[in-house]
Amino acid sequence: MAEAHHARIPVRLRELAQLFNSLDPSPFIERDLDDDAEAFIVGSARELGLHRPFEIVVHLQVAPEPERAAALESAVRHFFRERAEIKQRDLRLLLRRGRVSLAIGILFLAVCLGLGELIGRTWDGTLASILSESLIIGGWVAMWRPLEIFLYDWWPLRDERRVFEALARTRVKLAPPTERAR
């Protein structure tokens, strides 16, 4: 029985093999979860929230091989630990791209502001005003992507990483196969 402080995620399958990607040739403990199983577990974890540790309870109709049953928790934890590492790497790459984009954007903005100022001091008239304002707008538009990265884009990656980290620490239990009434 799950402890009261654990959030339970029930997974109902016919056999244990359904939990894992059948095309993955890796050893059992390193095998990827099936896409649908992963989506169900991750969706359930998000719905339950991260305020309590998780317990995945796998209900099977067919008893699994003893060695696979014993390695189930390690295999599930390994899968989610790898996903957390991938999300951490994605986050680092995004922030690096954001820093490079910010440096380029600031440099471009400075050039545009300088050229706009130069045009405004050198020429008079509507065309000079349009060119000057266009350069200023173009410079600020160049800042759009770096600001988008630093204000918005990193949050979903961080949140996904947190869910995967929590699932990498989850307890995984097998419920004994139940007899179904025919």
N, C-alpha and C. Protein backbone atom coordinates (compact mmCIF):
# COMPACT_ATOMS: atom_id res chain seq x y z
N MET A 1 0.84 -1.19 0.00
CA MET A 1 0.00 0.00 0.00
C MET A 1 0.88 1.24 0.00
N ALA A 2 0.50 2.26 -0.74
CA ALA A 2 1.29 3.49 -0.85
C ALA A 2 1.20 4.25 0.46
N GLU A 3 2.33 4.83 0.83
CA GLU A 3 2.32 5.68 2.01
C GLU A 3 1.49 6.91 1.70
N ALA A 4 0.92 7.50 2.74
CA ALA A 4 0.02 8.64 2.56
C ALA A 4 0.70 9.82 1.90
N HIS A 5 2.00 9.95 2.06
CA HIS A 5 2.68 11.12 1.50
C HIS A 5 3.16 10.91 0.07
N HIS A 6 2.89 9.76 -0.51
CA HIS A 6 3.26 9.50 -1.90
C HIS A 6 2.06 9.72 -2.82
N ALA A 7 2.31 10.35 -3.97
CA ALA A 7 1.27 10.50 -4.99
C ALA A 7 1.34 9.27 -5.88
N ARG A 8 0.24 8.56 -5.97
CA ARG A 8 0.23 7.28 -6.69
C ARG A 8 -0.16 7.48 -8.15
N ILE A 9 0.61 6.84 -9.04
CA ILE A 9 0.31 6.83 -10.47
C ILE A 9 0.05 5.37 -10.85
N PRO A 10 -1.21 5.01 -11.05
CA PRO A 10 -1.50 3.62 -11.43
C PRO A 10 -1.35 3.43 -12.94
N VAL A 11 -0.66 2.37 -13.33
CA VAL A 11 -0.47 2.04 -14.74
C VAL A 11 -1.02 0.63 -14.94
N ARG A 12 -1.99 0.50 -15.81
CA ARG A 12 -2.63 -0.80 -16.04
C ARG A 12 -2.23 -1.33 -17.42
N LEU A 13 -1.63 -2.53 -17.41
CA LEU A 13 -1.13 -3.15 -18.65
C LEU A 13 -1.47 -4.64 -18.65
N ARG A 14 -1.43 -5.19 -19.84
CA ARG A 14 -1.62 -6.64 -19.93
C ARG A 14 -0.35 -7.35 -19.46
N GLU A 15 0.80 -6.87 -20.00
CA GLU A 15 2.09 -7.48 -19.62
C GLU A 15 3.14 -6.38 -19.51
N LEU A 16 4.21 -6.68 -18.81
CA LEU A 16 5.25 -5.70 -18.53
C LEU A 16 5.90 -5.16 -19.80
N ALA A 17 6.00 -5.96 -20.84
CA ALA A 17 6.63 -5.52 -22.09
C ALA A 17 5.94 -4.30 -22.69
N GLN A 18 4.66 -4.09 -22.40
CA GLN A 18 3.94 -2.95 -22.93
C GLN A 18 4.46 -1.62 -22.37
N LEU A 19 5.13 -1.67 -21.24
CA LEU A 19 5.65 -0.45 -20.63
C LEU A 19 6.87 0.08 -21.38
N PHE A 20 7.54 -0.78 -22.11
CA PHE A 20 8.80 -0.41 -22.76
C PHE A 20 8.68 -0.42 -24.28
N ASN A 21 9.55 0.35 -24.91
CA ASN A 21 9.59 0.44 -26.37
C ASN A 21 10.08 -0.90 -26.92
N SER A 22 9.24 -1.54 -27.69
CA SER A 22 9.58 -2.87 -28.19
C SER A 22 10.68 -2.83 -29.25
N LEU A 23 10.92 -1.68 -29.86
CA LEU A 23 11.96 -1.57 -30.90
C LEU A 23 13.33 -1.23 -30.34
N ASP A 24 13.39 -0.90 -29.06
CA ASP A 24 14.67 -0.52 -28.43
C ASP A 24 15.47 -1.78 -28.13
N PRO A 25 16.67 -1.93 -28.75
CA PRO A 25 17.46 -3.14 -28.55
C PRO A 25 18.31 -3.12 -27.27
N SER A 26 18.23 -2.06 -26.50
CA SER A 26 19.05 -1.92 -25.29
C SER A 26 18.70 -3.00 -24.28
N PRO A 27 19.65 -3.25 -23.36
CA PRO A 27 19.31 -4.16 -22.25
C PRO A 27 18.11 -3.61 -21.48
N PHE A 28 17.41 -4.49 -20.78
CA PHE A 28 16.15 -4.12 -20.13
C PHE A 28 16.27 -2.85 -19.28
N ILE A 29 17.29 -2.76 -18.47
CA ILE A 29 17.40 -1.63 -17.53
C ILE A 29 17.66 -0.30 -18.26
N GLU A 30 18.14 -0.36 -19.50
CA GLU A 30 18.44 0.86 -20.26
C GLU A 30 17.40 1.13 -21.34
N ARG A 31 16.39 0.32 -21.42
CA ARG A 31 15.39 0.44 -22.48
C ARG A 31 14.50 1.66 -22.24
N ASP A 32 14.12 2.31 -23.35
CA ASP A 32 13.21 3.45 -23.28
C ASP A 32 11.80 2.98 -22.95
N LEU A 33 11.06 3.82 -22.27
CA LEU A 33 9.66 3.53 -22.06
C LEU A 33 8.91 3.72 -23.37
N ASP A 34 7.80 3.04 -23.50
CA ASP A 34 6.91 3.24 -24.64
C ASP A 34 6.43 4.69 -24.61
N ASP A 35 6.29 5.30 -25.78
CA ASP A 35 5.89 6.72 -25.86
C ASP A 35 4.57 6.98 -25.13
N ASP A 36 3.60 6.10 -25.33
CA ASP A 36 2.30 6.29 -24.67
C ASP A 36 2.42 6.14 -23.15
N ALA A 37 3.21 5.18 -22.72
CA ALA A 37 3.39 4.98 -21.28
C ALA A 37 4.10 6.19 -20.66
N GLU A 38 5.13 6.68 -21.35
CA GLU A 38 5.83 7.87 -20.87
C GLU A 38 4.88 9.06 -20.78
N ALA A 39 4.10 9.28 -21.83
CA ALA A 39 3.17 10.41 -21.84
C ALA A 39 2.15 10.29 -20.71
N PHE A 40 1.67 9.09 -20.45
CA PHE A 40 0.70 8.88 -19.38
C PHE A 40 1.33 9.18 -18.02
N ILE A 41 2.52 8.65 -17.78
CA ILE A 41 3.19 8.83 -16.49
C ILE A 41 3.55 10.31 -16.27
N VAL A 42 4.12 10.94 -17.28
CA VAL A 42 4.50 12.35 -17.16
C VAL A 42 3.26 13.22 -16.98
N GLY A 43 2.22 12.95 -17.76
CA GLY A 43 0.98 13.72 -17.62
C GLY A 43 0.37 13.56 -16.23
N SER A 44 0.39 12.34 -15.72
CA SER A 44 -0.14 12.09 -14.38
C SER A 44 0.69 12.83 -13.33
N ALA A 45 2.01 12.81 -13.50
CA ALA A 45 2.89 13.49 -12.55
C ALA A 45 2.63 14.99 -12.55
N ARG A 46 2.46 15.57 -13.73
CA ARG A 46 2.16 17.01 -13.81
C ARG A 46 0.83 17.31 -13.13
N GLU A 47 -0.14 16.45 -13.37
CA GLU A 47 -1.47 16.66 -12.80
C GLU A 47 -1.43 16.56 -11.27
N LEU A 48 -0.65 15.62 -10.76
CA LEU A 48 -0.56 15.43 -9.31
C LEU A 48 0.29 16.51 -8.63
N GLY A 49 1.19 17.13 -9.38
CA GLY A 49 2.06 18.16 -8.82
C GLY A 49 3.31 17.56 -8.19
N LEU A 50 4.27 18.41 -7.94
CA LEU A 50 5.57 17.95 -7.44
C LEU A 50 5.72 18.10 -5.93
N HIS A 51 4.64 18.37 -5.23
CA HIS A 51 4.72 18.60 -3.79
C HIS A 51 4.88 17.33 -2.97
N ARG A 52 4.67 16.16 -3.59
CA ARG A 52 4.86 14.87 -2.91
C ARG A 52 5.65 13.95 -3.82
N PRO A 53 6.42 13.02 -3.25
CA PRO A 53 7.11 12.04 -4.10
C PRO A 53 6.10 11.11 -4.76
N PHE A 54 6.51 10.52 -5.86
CA PHE A 54 5.62 9.66 -6.64
C PHE A 54 5.85 8.20 -6.33
N GLU A 55 4.80 7.44 -6.57
CA GLU A 55 4.88 5.99 -6.54
C GLU A 55 4.10 5.49 -7.75
N ILE A 56 4.78 4.81 -8.65
CA ILE A 56 4.13 4.23 -9.82
C ILE A 56 3.77 2.79 -9.46
N VAL A 57 2.51 2.46 -9.59
CA VAL A 57 2.05 1.09 -9.31
C VAL A 57 1.61 0.49 -10.64
N VAL A 58 2.33 -0.54 -11.07
CA VAL A 58 2.07 -1.19 -12.34
C VAL A 58 1.17 -2.41 -12.09
N HIS A 59 -0.03 -2.36 -12.63
CA HIS A 59 -0.99 -3.46 -12.52
C HIS A 59 -0.90 -4.28 -13.80
N LEU A 60 -0.59 -5.55 -13.66
CA LEU A 60 -0.43 -6.44 -14.82
C LEU A 60 -1.45 -7.56 -14.79
N GLN A 61 -1.84 -8.02 -15.97
CA GLN A 61 -2.71 -9.18 -16.07
C GLN A 61 -1.89 -10.47 -16.12
N VAL A 62 -0.65 -10.35 -16.64
CA VAL A 62 0.22 -11.51 -16.78
C VAL A 62 1.46 -11.27 -15.92
N ALA A 63 1.80 -12.25 -15.11
CA ALA A 63 2.97 -12.12 -14.23
C ALA A 63 4.24 -11.98 -15.07
N PRO A 64 5.12 -11.04 -14.69
CA PRO A 64 6.36 -10.84 -15.46
C PRO A 64 7.44 -11.83 -15.05
N GLU A 65 8.48 -11.89 -15.87
CA GLU A 65 9.65 -12.70 -15.52
C GLU A 65 10.25 -12.12 -14.25
N PRO A 66 10.69 -12.96 -13.31
CA PRO A 66 11.18 -12.46 -12.01
C PRO A 66 12.34 -11.46 -12.13
N GLU A 67 13.28 -11.71 -13.06
CA GLU A 67 14.42 -10.78 -13.18
C GLU A 67 13.98 -9.41 -13.71
N ARG A 68 12.98 -9.39 -14.57
CA ARG A 68 12.47 -8.11 -15.08
C ARG A 68 11.66 -7.39 -14.01
N ALA A 69 10.92 -8.14 -13.25
CA ALA A 69 10.15 -7.53 -12.15
C ALA A 69 11.10 -6.89 -11.14
N ALA A 70 12.21 -7.57 -10.86
CA ALA A 70 13.17 -7.04 -9.89
C ALA A 70 13.87 -5.79 -10.41
N ALA A 71 14.03 -5.68 -11.72
CA ALA A 71 14.76 -4.55 -12.31
C ALA A 71 13.84 -3.41 -12.76
N LEU A 72 12.55 -3.56 -12.54
CA LEU A 72 11.59 -2.57 -13.04
C LEU A 72 11.85 -1.17 -12.50
N GLU A 73 11.99 -1.04 -11.20
CA GLU A 73 12.20 0.29 -10.61
C GLU A 73 13.49 0.93 -11.14
N SER A 74 14.55 0.15 -11.24
CA SER A 74 15.81 0.68 -11.77
C SER A 74 15.67 1.13 -13.21
N ALA A 75 14.94 0.36 -14.01
CA ALA A 75 14.75 0.70 -15.42
C ALA A 75 13.95 1.99 -15.57
N VAL A 76 12.89 2.14 -14.80
CA VAL A 76 12.06 3.35 -14.89
C VAL A 76 12.85 4.56 -14.39
N ARG A 77 13.54 4.42 -13.28
CA ARG A 77 14.35 5.53 -12.76
C ARG A 77 15.45 5.93 -13.74
N HIS A 78 16.09 4.93 -14.34
CA HIS A 78 17.15 5.19 -15.32
C HIS A 78 16.60 6.00 -16.49
N PHE A 79 15.44 5.60 -16.99
CA PHE A 79 14.83 6.29 -18.12
C PHE A 79 14.57 7.76 -17.79
N PHE A 80 13.95 8.02 -16.65
CA PHE A 80 13.62 9.40 -16.30
C PHE A 80 14.85 10.22 -15.90
N ARG A 81 15.86 9.57 -15.35
CA ARG A 81 17.12 10.27 -15.06
C ARG A 81 17.77 10.75 -16.36
N GLU A 82 17.75 9.88 -17.38
CA GLU A 82 18.29 10.28 -18.69
C GLU A 82 17.49 11.42 -19.30
N ARG A 83 16.17 11.37 -19.17
CA ARG A 83 15.32 12.46 -19.69
C ARG A 83 15.62 13.77 -18.96
N ALA A 84 15.84 13.71 -17.66
CA ALA A 84 16.17 14.92 -16.89
C ALA A 84 17.51 15.50 -17.36
N GLU A 85 18.48 14.62 -17.62
CA GLU A 85 19.78 15.09 -18.10
C GLU A 85 19.66 15.73 -19.48
N ILE A 86 18.83 15.17 -20.33
CA ILE A 86 18.61 15.75 -21.67
C ILE A 86 17.97 17.13 -21.55
N LYS A 87 16.99 17.27 -20.68
CA LYS A 87 16.34 18.57 -20.50
C LYS A 87 17.30 19.58 -19.90
N GLN A 88 18.18 19.14 -18.99
CA GLN A 88 19.19 20.05 -18.43
C GLN A 88 20.15 20.51 -19.52
N ARG A 89 20.54 19.60 -20.40
CA ARG A 89 21.42 19.94 -21.51
C ARG A 89 20.72 20.89 -22.47
N ASP A 90 19.46 20.63 -22.77
CA ASP A 90 18.68 21.52 -23.64
C ASP A 90 18.58 22.92 -23.04
N LEU A 91 18.39 22.99 -21.73
CA LEU A 91 18.30 24.28 -21.05
C LEU A 91 19.62 25.03 -21.13
N ARG A 92 20.72 24.33 -20.89
CA ARG A 92 22.05 24.96 -21.00
C ARG A 92 22.28 25.49 -22.41
N LEU A 93 21.93 24.69 -23.42
CA LEU A 93 22.12 25.13 -24.81
C LEU A 93 21.24 26.32 -25.15
N LEU A 94 20.00 26.32 -24.67
CA LEU A 94 19.10 27.44 -24.90
C LEU A 94 19.65 28.72 -24.28
N LEU A 95 20.13 28.63 -23.05
CA LEU A 95 20.67 29.82 -22.38
C LEU A 95 21.96 30.30 -23.05
N ARG A 96 22.77 29.36 -23.54
CA ARG A 96 23.97 29.76 -24.29
C ARG A 96 23.57 30.48 -25.57
N ARG A 97 22.57 29.93 -26.28
CA ARG A 97 22.07 30.59 -27.48
C ARG A 97 21.51 31.96 -27.14
N GLY A 98 20.85 32.06 -26.00
CA GLY A 98 20.31 33.35 -25.55
C GLY A 98 21.42 34.36 -25.29
N ARG A 99 22.52 33.93 -24.68
CA ARG A 99 23.65 34.85 -24.42
C ARG A 99 24.28 35.33 -25.72
N VAL A 100 24.47 34.41 -26.67
CA VAL A 100 25.03 34.78 -27.97
C VAL A 100 24.06 35.72 -28.70
N SER A 101 22.78 35.37 -28.70
CA SER A 101 21.78 36.21 -29.35
C SER A 101 21.72 37.59 -28.71
N LEU A 102 21.85 37.64 -27.40
CA LEU A 102 21.83 38.92 -26.69
C LEU A 102 23.03 39.78 -27.08
N ALA A 103 24.21 39.17 -27.15
CA ALA A 103 25.41 39.92 -27.55
C ALA A 103 25.26 40.46 -28.97
N ILE A 104 24.79 39.62 -29.87
CA ILE A 104 24.58 40.05 -31.26
C ILE A 104 23.51 41.13 -31.32
N GLY A 105 22.41 40.92 -30.58
CA GLY A 105 21.32 41.88 -30.57
C GLY A 105 21.74 43.24 -30.03
N ILE A 106 22.52 43.25 -28.95
CA ILE A 106 22.98 44.52 -28.38
C ILE A 106 23.92 45.23 -29.35
N LEU A 107 24.81 44.48 -29.98
CA LEU A 107 25.72 45.06 -30.96
C LEU A 107 24.94 45.64 -32.14
N PHE A 108 23.98 44.88 -32.65
CA PHE A 108 23.17 45.34 -33.77
C PHE A 108 22.35 46.57 -33.37
N LEU A 109 21.78 46.55 -32.17
CA LEU A 109 21.00 47.69 -31.68
C LEU A 109 21.88 48.94 -31.59
N ALA A 110 23.09 48.77 -31.07
CA ALA A 110 24.00 49.92 -30.96
C ALA A 110 24.34 50.49 -32.34
N VAL A 111 24.60 49.60 -33.30
CA VAL A 111 24.90 50.06 -34.67
C VAL A 111 23.68 50.78 -35.25
N CYS A 112 22.49 50.20 -35.09
CA CYS A 112 21.28 50.83 -35.62
C CYS A 112 21.02 52.19 -34.97
N LEU A 113 21.17 52.27 -33.65
CA LEU A 113 20.96 53.55 -32.96
C LEU A 113 21.98 54.58 -33.43
N GLY A 114 23.23 54.14 -33.58
CA GLY A 114 24.28 55.06 -34.05
C GLY A 114 24.00 55.55 -35.46
N LEU A 115 23.64 54.62 -36.36
CA LEU A 115 23.33 55.02 -37.73
C LEU A 115 22.10 55.92 -37.78
N GLY A 116 21.09 55.60 -36.99
CA GLY A 116 19.88 56.43 -36.94
C GLY A 116 20.21 57.84 -36.46
N GLU A 117 21.06 57.94 -35.47
CA GLU A 117 21.49 59.26 -34.96
C GLU A 117 22.28 60.00 -36.03
N LEU A 118 23.18 59.30 -36.70
CA LEU A 118 24.00 59.91 -37.76
C LEU A 118 23.12 60.42 -38.90
N ILE A 119 22.15 59.62 -39.32
CA ILE A 119 21.24 60.03 -40.39
C ILE A 119 20.43 61.25 -39.95
N GLY A 120 19.95 61.23 -38.70
CA GLY A 120 19.17 62.35 -38.18
C GLY A 120 19.95 63.65 -38.12
N ARG A 121 21.25 63.58 -37.86
CA ARG A 121 22.09 64.79 -37.77
C ARG A 121 22.58 65.24 -39.14
N THR A 122 22.70 64.30 -40.06
CA THR A 122 23.28 64.61 -41.37
C THR A 122 22.26 65.13 -42.36
N TRP A 123 21.08 64.51 -42.41
CA TRP A 123 20.06 64.89 -43.39
C TRP A 123 18.78 65.36 -42.69
N ASP A 124 18.07 66.16 -43.43
CA ASP A 124 16.76 66.61 -42.96
C ASP A 124 15.70 66.03 -43.89
N GLY A 125 14.48 66.03 -43.42
CA GLY A 125 13.39 65.63 -44.29
C GLY A 125 12.73 64.33 -43.86
N THR A 126 11.68 64.02 -44.57
CA THR A 126 10.86 62.85 -44.27
C THR A 126 11.63 61.55 -44.50
N LEU A 127 12.38 61.46 -45.58
CA LEU A 127 13.12 60.24 -45.88
C LEU A 127 14.15 59.95 -44.80
N ALA A 128 14.87 60.98 -44.36
CA ALA A 128 15.86 60.81 -43.30
C ALA A 128 15.18 60.36 -42.01
N SER A 129 14.03 60.92 -41.71
CA SER A 129 13.29 60.56 -40.51
C SER A 129 12.80 59.11 -40.59
N ILE A 130 12.31 58.71 -41.76
CA ILE A 130 11.85 57.33 -41.95
C ILE A 130 13.01 56.35 -41.79
N LEU A 131 14.16 56.66 -42.42
CA LEU A 131 15.34 55.78 -42.30
C LEU A 131 15.82 55.69 -40.85
N SER A 132 15.88 56.82 -40.19
CA SER A 132 16.34 56.86 -38.80
C SER A 132 15.43 56.03 -37.89
N GLU A 133 14.13 56.24 -38.01
CA GLU A 133 13.17 55.50 -37.19
C GLU A 133 13.17 54.01 -37.54
N SER A 134 13.33 53.69 -38.84
CA SER A 134 13.38 52.29 -39.27
C SER A 134 14.57 51.57 -38.65
N LEU A 135 15.70 52.24 -38.60
CA LEU A 135 16.89 51.64 -37.99
C LEU A 135 16.68 51.41 -36.49
N ILE A 136 16.06 52.36 -35.83
CA ILE A 136 15.79 52.20 -34.39
C ILE A 136 14.85 51.03 -34.16
N ILE A 137 13.79 50.96 -34.94
CA ILE A 137 12.83 49.84 -34.80
C ILE A 137 13.52 48.52 -35.12
N GLY A 138 14.29 48.48 -36.20
CA GLY A 138 15.02 47.25 -36.57
C GLY A 138 15.97 46.81 -35.47
N GLY A 139 16.64 47.75 -34.85
CA GLY A 139 17.55 47.41 -33.75
C GLY A 139 16.81 46.78 -32.58
N TRP A 140 15.66 47.35 -32.23
CA TRP A 140 14.88 46.80 -31.12
C TRP A 140 14.25 45.46 -31.48
N VAL A 141 13.86 45.29 -32.74
CA VAL A 141 13.31 44.00 -33.16
C VAL A 141 14.38 42.91 -33.05
N ALA A 142 15.63 43.26 -33.29
CA ALA A 142 16.72 42.29 -33.16
C ALA A 142 16.87 41.80 -31.72
N MET A 143 16.36 42.55 -30.77
CA MET A 143 16.43 42.16 -29.36
C MET A 143 15.28 41.22 -28.97
N TRP A 144 14.33 41.03 -29.87
CA TRP A 144 13.15 40.23 -29.57
C TRP A 144 13.52 38.81 -29.13
N ARG A 145 14.33 38.12 -29.95
CA ARG A 145 14.64 36.71 -29.66
C ARG A 145 15.40 36.54 -28.35
N PRO A 146 16.47 37.31 -28.10
CA PRO A 146 17.14 37.11 -26.81
C PRO A 146 16.21 37.37 -25.62
N LEU A 147 15.37 38.38 -25.73
CA LEU A 147 14.44 38.65 -24.64
C LEU A 147 13.42 37.53 -24.49
N GLU A 148 12.97 36.99 -25.61
CA GLU A 148 12.03 35.87 -25.56
C GLU A 148 12.66 34.66 -24.86
N ILE A 149 13.92 34.39 -25.17
CA ILE A 149 14.62 33.27 -24.54
C ILE A 149 14.70 33.49 -23.03
N PHE A 150 15.18 34.66 -22.62
CA PHE A 150 15.41 34.90 -21.19
C PHE A 150 14.14 35.16 -20.39
N LEU A 151 13.08 35.60 -21.04
CA LEU A 151 11.84 35.85 -20.32
C LEU A 151 10.88 34.66 -20.32
N TYR A 152 10.86 33.88 -21.41
CA TYR A 152 9.81 32.87 -21.54
C TYR A 152 10.27 31.46 -21.90
N ASP A 153 11.22 31.31 -22.81
CA ASP A 153 11.52 29.99 -23.37
C ASP A 153 12.14 29.00 -22.39
N TRP A 154 12.83 29.46 -21.38
CA TRP A 154 13.53 28.55 -20.48
C TRP A 154 12.60 27.91 -19.44
N TRP A 155 11.48 28.54 -19.15
CA TRP A 155 10.58 28.01 -18.12
C TRP A 155 10.07 26.60 -18.42
N PRO A 156 9.56 26.33 -19.62
CA PRO A 156 9.05 24.97 -19.88
C PRO A 156 10.14 23.90 -19.76
N LEU A 157 11.36 24.20 -20.21
CA LEU A 157 12.44 23.22 -20.09
C LEU A 157 12.76 22.94 -18.63
N ARG A 158 12.81 23.99 -17.82
CA ARG A 158 13.09 23.82 -16.40
C ARG A 158 11.98 22.99 -15.74
N ASP A 159 10.74 23.29 -16.09
CA ASP A 159 9.62 22.55 -15.50
C ASP A 159 9.64 21.08 -15.90
N GLU A 160 9.91 20.79 -17.18
CA GLU A 160 10.01 19.40 -17.63
C GLU A 160 11.14 18.68 -16.91
N ARG A 161 12.27 19.36 -16.76
CA ARG A 161 13.40 18.75 -16.05
C ARG A 161 13.01 18.41 -14.61
N ARG A 162 12.28 19.28 -13.96
CA ARG A 162 11.85 19.02 -12.58
C ARG A 162 10.93 17.81 -12.49
N VAL A 163 10.02 17.68 -13.43
CA VAL A 163 9.12 16.51 -13.45
C VAL A 163 9.94 15.24 -13.65
N PHE A 164 10.86 15.26 -14.62
CA PHE A 164 11.69 14.08 -14.87
C PHE A 164 12.57 13.74 -13.67
N GLU A 165 13.12 14.75 -13.01
CA GLU A 165 13.93 14.50 -11.81
C GLU A 165 13.11 13.85 -10.71
N ALA A 166 11.87 14.33 -10.54
CA ALA A 166 11.00 13.73 -9.52
C ALA A 166 10.67 12.29 -9.89
N LEU A 167 10.41 12.03 -11.17
CA LEU A 167 10.11 10.67 -11.60
C LEU A 167 11.34 9.77 -11.53
N ALA A 168 12.53 10.34 -11.63
CA ALA A 168 13.76 9.55 -11.51
C ALA A 168 13.98 9.06 -10.08
N ARG A 169 13.25 9.66 -9.13
CA ARG A 169 13.35 9.23 -7.72
C ARG A 169 12.13 8.43 -7.28
N THR A 170 11.23 8.14 -8.21
CA THR A 170 9.97 7.51 -7.86
C THR A 170 10.14 6.06 -7.42
N ARG A 171 9.22 5.64 -6.60
CA ARG A 171 9.15 4.22 -6.27
C ARG A 171 8.28 3.56 -7.32
N VAL A 172 8.66 2.36 -7.73
CA VAL A 172 7.87 1.62 -8.72
C VAL A 172 7.56 0.26 -8.11
N LYS A 173 6.28 -0.05 -8.07
CA LYS A 173 5.84 -1.33 -7.50
C LYS A 173 4.99 -2.07 -8.51
N LEU A 174 5.07 -3.37 -8.44
CA LEU A 174 4.22 -4.23 -9.26
C LEU A 174 3.06 -4.72 -8.40
N ALA A 175 1.87 -4.51 -8.89
CA ALA A 175 0.70 -5.09 -8.22
C ALA A 175 0.57 -6.52 -8.72
N PRO A 176 0.22 -7.44 -7.87
CA PRO A 176 0.10 -8.82 -8.33
C PRO A 176 -0.99 -8.95 -9.39
N PRO A 177 -0.78 -9.83 -10.37
CA PRO A 177 -1.80 -10.04 -11.41
C PRO A 177 -3.13 -10.44 -10.77
N THR A 178 -4.18 -9.90 -11.32
CA THR A 178 -5.50 -10.22 -10.79
C THR A 178 -6.23 -11.10 -11.79
N GLU A 179 -7.07 -11.96 -11.26
CA GLU A 179 -7.91 -12.81 -12.10
C GLU A 179 -9.09 -11.97 -12.56
N ARG A 180 -9.36 -11.98 -13.84
CA ARG A 180 -10.50 -11.23 -14.36
C ARG A 180 -11.68 -12.19 -14.52
N ALA A 181 -12.82 -11.69 -14.15
CA ALA A 181 -14.05 -12.50 -14.33
C ALA A 181 -14.37 -12.59 -15.81
N ARG A 182 -14.72 -13.76 -16.27
CA ARG A 182 -15.04 -13.94 -17.68
C ARG A 182 -16.52 -13.93 -17.89
